[in-house]
Amino acid sequence: MGRGPVSRKNPKDEYLTDAEFRAWHGCLLFTTAATRALDEAITAAHGISLKEFDVLITLFNAPDDRLRMTDLAERVILTPSGVTHLVTRLERAGLVNRIVDEEDRRSSFAALTPAGHRRLRESRPTHNDVVRTHLTRRLTPNQLATLGALWETILEP
């Protein structure tokens, strides 16, 4: 992403202001760098991708460690077919099970297995270390609190 002109005086051009560009560009650069570092570290140390980690932790945080496949796709921001392929890989690895919904047999749940719990427990320190290295250790406690408050404002529906 080159840093060409970011704002103009001509309102027809609809450029971002310098402040808007710095905020947006910083968000993109941080997200790209942190996501790449997380994926590389978790894959190297634990043999799962960041997307697979995301599915495991999402299931861990769900009631009864399981979610409908459609709900899982929404929470991990994957297409339904993308989550189906990912769950199939995790199922082959013994980290999740697919359970048919007894009330609606057309639907199924993805559920975390004991092996999935173990893999998540083993990989969480790696995840947290990368987050701390790329974000939280670089900020003062006040900056961290401010950033958290800003994200709450930004992400508010």
C-alpha atoms as a PDB file:
ATOM      1  CA  MET A   1       0.000   0.000   0.000  1.00  0.00           C
ATOM      2  CA  GLY A   2       1.865   3.062  -1.241  1.00  0.00           C
ATOM      3  CA  ARG A   3       1.647   6.323   0.595  1.00  0.00           C
ATOM      4  CA  GLY A   4       0.697   8.589  -2.320  1.00  0.00           C
ATOM      5  CA  PRO A   5      -1.546  11.604  -1.832  1.00  0.00           C
ATOM      6  CA  VAL A   6      -3.919  11.012   1.030  1.00  0.00           C
ATOM      7  CA  SER A   7      -5.981  14.186   1.024  1.00  0.00           C
ATOM      8  CA  ARG A   8      -6.827  17.014  -1.345  1.00  0.00           C
ATOM      9  CA  LYS A   9      -8.562  20.310  -1.016  1.00  0.00           C
ATOM     10  CA  ASN A  10     -11.011  19.366  -3.765  1.00  0.00           C
ATOM     11  CA  PRO A  11     -13.965  17.673  -1.986  1.00  0.00           C
ATOM     12  CA  LYS A  12     -14.950  15.923  -5.251  1.00  0.00           C
ATOM     13  CA  ASP A  13     -11.831  13.743  -4.982  1.00  0.00           C
ATOM     14  CA  GLU A  14     -13.148  12.161  -1.768  1.00  0.00           C
ATOM     15  CA  TYR A  15      -9.695  11.453  -0.365  1.00  0.00           C
ATOM     16  CA  LEU A  16      -9.319  10.536   3.278  1.00  0.00           C
ATOM     17  CA  THR A  17      -7.960  13.271   5.495  1.00  0.00           C
ATOM     18  CA  ASP A  18      -4.434  12.738   6.784  1.00  0.00           C
ATOM     19  CA  ALA A  19      -5.826  11.763  10.206  1.00  0.00           C
ATOM     20  CA  GLU A  20      -8.332   9.339   8.650  1.00  0.00           C
ATOM     21  CA  PHE A  21      -5.641   7.774   6.487  1.00  0.00           C
ATOM     22  CA  ARG A  22      -3.207   7.370   9.407  1.00  0.00           C
ATOM     23  CA  ALA A  23      -5.892   5.698  11.543  1.00  0.00           C
ATOM     24  CA  TRP A  24      -7.116   3.391   8.764  1.00  0.00           C
ATOM     25  CA  HIS A  25      -3.675   2.556   7.368  1.00  0.00           C
ATOM     26  CA  GLY A  26      -2.317   1.842  10.859  1.00  0.00           C
ATOM     27  CA  CYS A  27      -5.231  -0.499  11.522  1.00  0.00           C
ATOM     28  CA  LEU A  28      -4.564  -2.381   8.283  1.00  0.00           C
ATOM     29  CA  LEU A  29      -0.811  -2.611   8.834  1.00  0.00           C
ATOM     30  CA  PHE A  30      -1.212  -3.796  12.427  1.00  0.00           C
ATOM     31  CA  THR A  31      -3.882  -6.349  11.530  1.00  0.00           C
ATOM     32  CA  THR A  32      -1.800  -7.760   8.691  1.00  0.00           C
ATOM     33  CA  ALA A  33       1.401  -7.979  10.745  1.00  0.00           C
ATOM     34  CA  ALA A  34      -0.256  -9.416  13.854  1.00  0.00           C
ATOM     35  CA  THR A  35      -2.336 -11.933  11.896  1.00  0.00           C
ATOM     36  CA  ARG A  36       0.710 -13.111   9.962  1.00  0.00           C
ATOM     37  CA  ALA A  37       2.811 -13.417  13.152  1.00  0.00           C
ATOM     38  CA  LEU A  38       0.031 -15.316  14.953  1.00  0.00           C
ATOM     39  CA  ASP A  39      -0.494 -17.719  12.064  1.00  0.00           C
ATOM     40  CA  GLU A  40       3.229 -18.412  11.669  1.00  0.00           C
ATOM     41  CA  ALA A  41       3.836 -18.918  15.405  1.00  0.00           C
ATOM     42  CA  ILE A  42       0.801 -21.125  16.057  1.00  0.00           C
ATOM     43  CA  THR A  43       1.389 -23.202  12.927  1.00  0.00           C
ATOM     44  CA  ALA A  44       5.086 -23.715  13.707  1.00  0.00           C
ATOM     45  CA  ALA A  45       4.586 -24.565  17.375  1.00  0.00           C
ATOM     46  CA  HIS A  46       1.254 -26.405  17.343  1.00  0.00           C
ATOM     47  CA  GLY A  47       0.484 -27.547  13.798  1.00  0.00           C
ATOM     48  CA  ILE A  48      -2.751 -25.581  13.456  1.00  0.00           C
ATOM     49  CA  SER A  49      -3.483 -22.412  11.513  1.00  0.00           C
ATOM     50  CA  LEU A  50      -4.786 -19.213  13.052  1.00  0.00           C
ATOM     51  CA  LYS A  51      -8.203 -19.922  11.484  1.00  0.00           C
ATOM     52  CA  GLU A  52      -8.213 -23.365  13.111  1.00  0.00           C
ATOM     53  CA  PHE A  53      -7.202 -21.802  16.450  1.00  0.00           C
ATOM     54  CA  ASP A  54     -10.054 -19.308  15.996  1.00  0.00           C
ATOM     55  CA  VAL A  55     -12.551 -22.146  15.508  1.00  0.00           C
ATOM     56  CA  LEU A  56     -11.244 -23.995  18.579  1.00  0.00           C
ATOM     57  CA  ILE A  57     -11.382 -20.938  20.834  1.00  0.00           C
ATOM     58  CA  THR A  58     -14.807 -19.947  19.487  1.00  0.00           C
ATOM     59  CA  LEU A  59     -16.158 -23.417  20.305  1.00  0.00           C
ATOM     60  CA  PHE A  60     -14.462 -23.295  23.727  1.00  0.00           C
ATOM     61  CA  ASN A  61     -16.298 -20.035  24.493  1.00  0.00           C
ATOM     62  CA  ALA A  62     -19.679 -21.360  23.304  1.00  0.00           C
ATOM     63  CA  PRO A  63     -22.232 -23.029  25.575  1.00  0.00           C
ATOM     64  CA  ASP A  64     -21.429 -26.744  25.908  1.00  0.00           C
ATOM     65  CA  ASP A  65     -18.327 -26.215  23.711  1.00  0.00           C
ATOM     66  CA  ARG A  66     -20.411 -26.443  20.539  1.00  0.00           C
ATOM     67  CA  LEU A  67     -22.137 -24.290  17.934  1.00  0.00           C
ATOM     68  CA  ARG A  68     -24.344 -24.801  14.914  1.00  0.00           C
ATOM     69  CA  MET A  69     -22.216 -24.734  11.799  1.00  0.00           C
ATOM     70  CA  THR A  70     -24.025 -21.608  10.539  1.00  0.00           C
ATOM     71  CA  ASP A  71     -23.417 -19.792  13.843  1.00  0.00           C
ATOM     72  CA  LEU A  72     -19.773 -20.854  13.810  1.00  0.00           C
ATOM     73  CA  ALA A  73     -19.363 -19.478  10.267  1.00  0.00           C
ATOM     74  CA  GLU A  74     -20.731 -16.101  11.396  1.00  0.00           C
ATOM     75  CA  ARG A  75     -18.543 -15.904  14.495  1.00  0.00           C
ATOM     76  CA  VAL A  76     -15.284 -16.770  12.755  1.00  0.00           C
ATOM     77  CA  ILE A  77     -16.149 -14.758   9.641  1.00  0.00           C
ATOM     78  CA  LEU A  78     -15.972 -17.575   7.139  1.00  0.00           C
ATOM     79  CA  THR A  79     -18.420 -18.601   4.474  1.00  0.00           C
ATOM     80  CA  PRO A  80     -20.542 -21.642   5.313  1.00  0.00           C
ATOM     81  CA  SER A  81     -18.528 -23.721   2.827  1.00  0.00           C
ATOM     82  CA  GLY A  82     -15.265 -22.370   4.277  1.00  0.00           C
ATOM     83  CA  VAL A  83     -16.231 -23.389   7.793  1.00  0.00           C
ATOM     84  CA  THR A  84     -17.370 -26.793   6.510  1.00  0.00           C
ATOM     85  CA  HIS A  85     -13.934 -27.462   4.988  1.00  0.00           C
ATOM     86  CA  LEU A  86     -12.144 -26.178   8.083  1.00  0.00           C
ATOM     87  CA  VAL A  87     -14.269 -28.281  10.438  1.00  0.00           C
ATOM     88  CA  THR A  88     -13.655 -31.317   8.229  1.00  0.00           C
ATOM     89  CA  ARG A  89      -9.878 -30.816   8.640  1.00  0.00           C
ATOM     90  CA  LEU A  90     -10.247 -30.357  12.407  1.00  0.00           C
ATOM     91  CA  GLU A  91     -12.496 -33.419  12.568  1.00  0.00           C
ATOM     92  CA  ARG A  92      -9.879 -35.527  10.751  1.00  0.00           C
ATOM     93  CA  ALA A  93      -7.324 -34.333  13.305  1.00  0.00           C
ATOM     94  CA  GLY A  94      -9.666 -35.379  16.133  1.00  0.00           C
ATOM     95  CA  LEU A  95     -10.015 -31.808  17.449  1.00  0.00           C
ATOM     96  CA  VAL A  96     -13.743 -31.392  16.782  1.00  0.00           C
ATOM     97  CA  ASN A  97     -16.762 -33.615  16.183  1.00  0.00           C
ATOM     98  CA  ARG A  98     -19.725 -32.928  13.964  1.00  0.00           C
ATOM     99  CA  ILE A  99     -23.006 -33.766  15.709  1.00  0.00           C
ATOM    100  CA  VAL A 100     -26.345 -33.947  13.909  1.00  0.00           C
ATOM    101  CA  ASP A 101     -29.002 -31.733  15.487  1.00  0.00           C
ATOM    102  CA  GLU A 102     -31.668 -34.128  16.778  1.00  0.00           C
ATOM    103  CA  GLU A 103     -34.344 -31.399  16.522  1.00  0.00           C
ATOM    104  CA  ASP A 104     -33.459 -30.452  12.937  1.00  0.00           C
ATOM    105  CA  ARG A 105     -31.616 -33.277  11.216  1.00  0.00           C
ATOM    106  CA  ARG A 106     -30.689 -30.968   8.310  1.00  0.00           C
ATOM    107  CA  SER A 107     -28.444 -29.029  10.684  1.00  0.00           C
ATOM    108  CA  SER A 108     -25.341 -30.015  12.615  1.00  0.00           C
ATOM    109  CA  PHE A 109     -23.124 -28.754  15.393  1.00  0.00           C
ATOM    110  CA  ALA A 110     -19.352 -28.548  15.595  1.00  0.00           C
ATOM    111  CA  ALA A 111     -18.201 -29.595  19.061  1.00  0.00           C
ATOM    112  CA  LEU A 112     -14.802 -29.375  20.708  1.00  0.00           C
ATOM    113  CA  THR A 113     -13.287 -32.757  21.635  1.00  0.00           C
ATOM    114  CA  PRO A 114     -10.940 -33.452  24.570  1.00  0.00           C
ATOM    115  CA  ALA A 115      -8.060 -33.418  22.058  1.00  0.00           C
ATOM    116  CA  GLY A 116      -9.300 -30.028  20.827  1.00  0.00           C
ATOM    117  CA  HIS A 117      -9.292 -28.754  24.417  1.00  0.00           C
ATOM    118  CA  ARG A 118      -5.704 -29.965  24.823  1.00  0.00           C
ATOM    119  CA  ARG A 119      -4.517 -28.369  21.566  1.00  0.00           C
ATOM    120  CA  LEU A 120      -6.177 -25.095  22.518  1.00  0.00           C
ATOM    121  CA  ARG A 121      -4.664 -25.176  26.012  1.00  0.00           C
ATOM    122  CA  GLU A 122      -1.219 -25.881  24.518  1.00  0.00           C
ATOM    123  CA  SER A 123      -1.470 -23.166  21.846  1.00  0.00           C
ATOM    124  CA  ARG A 124      -3.027 -20.392  23.923  1.00  0.00           C
ATOM    125  CA  PRO A 125       0.310 -19.307  25.523  1.00  0.00           C
ATOM    126  CA  THR A 126       1.839 -18.947  22.033  1.00  0.00           C
ATOM    127  CA  HIS A 127      -1.154 -16.878  20.931  1.00  0.00           C
ATOM    128  CA  ASN A 128      -0.969 -14.685  24.025  1.00  0.00           C
ATOM    129  CA  ASP A 129       2.789 -14.167  23.673  1.00  0.00           C
ATOM    130  CA  VAL A 130       2.397 -12.952  20.082  1.00  0.00           C
ATOM    131  CA  VAL A 131      -0.441 -10.608  21.105  1.00  0.00           C
ATOM    132  CA  ARG A 132       1.698  -9.239  23.921  1.00  0.00           C
ATOM    133  CA  THR A 133       4.753  -8.856  21.666  1.00  0.00           C
ATOM    134  CA  HIS A 134       2.875  -7.067  18.894  1.00  0.00           C
ATOM    135  CA  LEU A 135       0.446  -5.033  20.974  1.00  0.00           C
ATOM    136  CA  THR A 136       0.075  -4.989  24.715  1.00  0.00           C
ATOM    137  CA  ARG A 137       3.757  -4.707  25.753  1.00  0.00           C
ATOM    138  CA  ARG A 138       4.160  -1.728  23.412  1.00  0.00           C
ATOM    139  CA  LEU A 139       1.523   0.311  25.244  1.00  0.00           C
ATOM    140  CA  THR A 140       1.300   1.815  28.676  1.00  0.00           C
ATOM    141  CA  PRO A 141      -1.604   0.660  30.855  1.00  0.00           C
ATOM    142  CA  ASN A 142      -3.409   3.949  30.090  1.00  0.00           C
ATOM    143  CA  GLN A 143      -2.852   3.563  26.340  1.00  0.00           C
ATOM    144  CA  LEU A 144      -4.123  -0.011  26.502  1.00  0.00           C
ATOM    145  CA  ALA A 145      -7.266   1.099  28.367  1.00  0.00           C
ATOM    146  CA  THR A 146      -7.815   3.898  25.846  1.00  0.00           C
ATOM    147  CA  LEU A 147      -7.370   1.514  22.922  1.00  0.00           C
ATOM    148  CA  GLY A 148      -9.875  -0.892  24.435  1.00  0.00           C
ATOM    149  CA  ALA A 149     -12.382   1.945  24.867  1.00  0.00           C
ATOM    150  CA  LEU A 150     -11.800   3.105  21.296  1.00  0.00           C
ATOM    151  CA  TRP A 151     -12.448  -0.401  19.942  1.00  0.00           C
ATOM    152  CA  GLU A 152     -15.671  -0.594  21.961  1.00  0.00           C
ATOM    153  CA  THR A 153     -16.795   2.664  20.366  1.00  0.00           C
ATOM    154  CA  ILE A 154     -15.734   1.599  16.862  1.00  0.00           C
ATOM    155  CA  LEU A 155     -17.325  -1.845  17.094  1.00  0.00           C
ATOM    156  CA  GLU A 156     -20.565  -0.668  18.712  1.00  0.00           C
ATOM    157  CA  PRO A 157     -23.506  -1.594  16.479  1.00  0.00           C
END
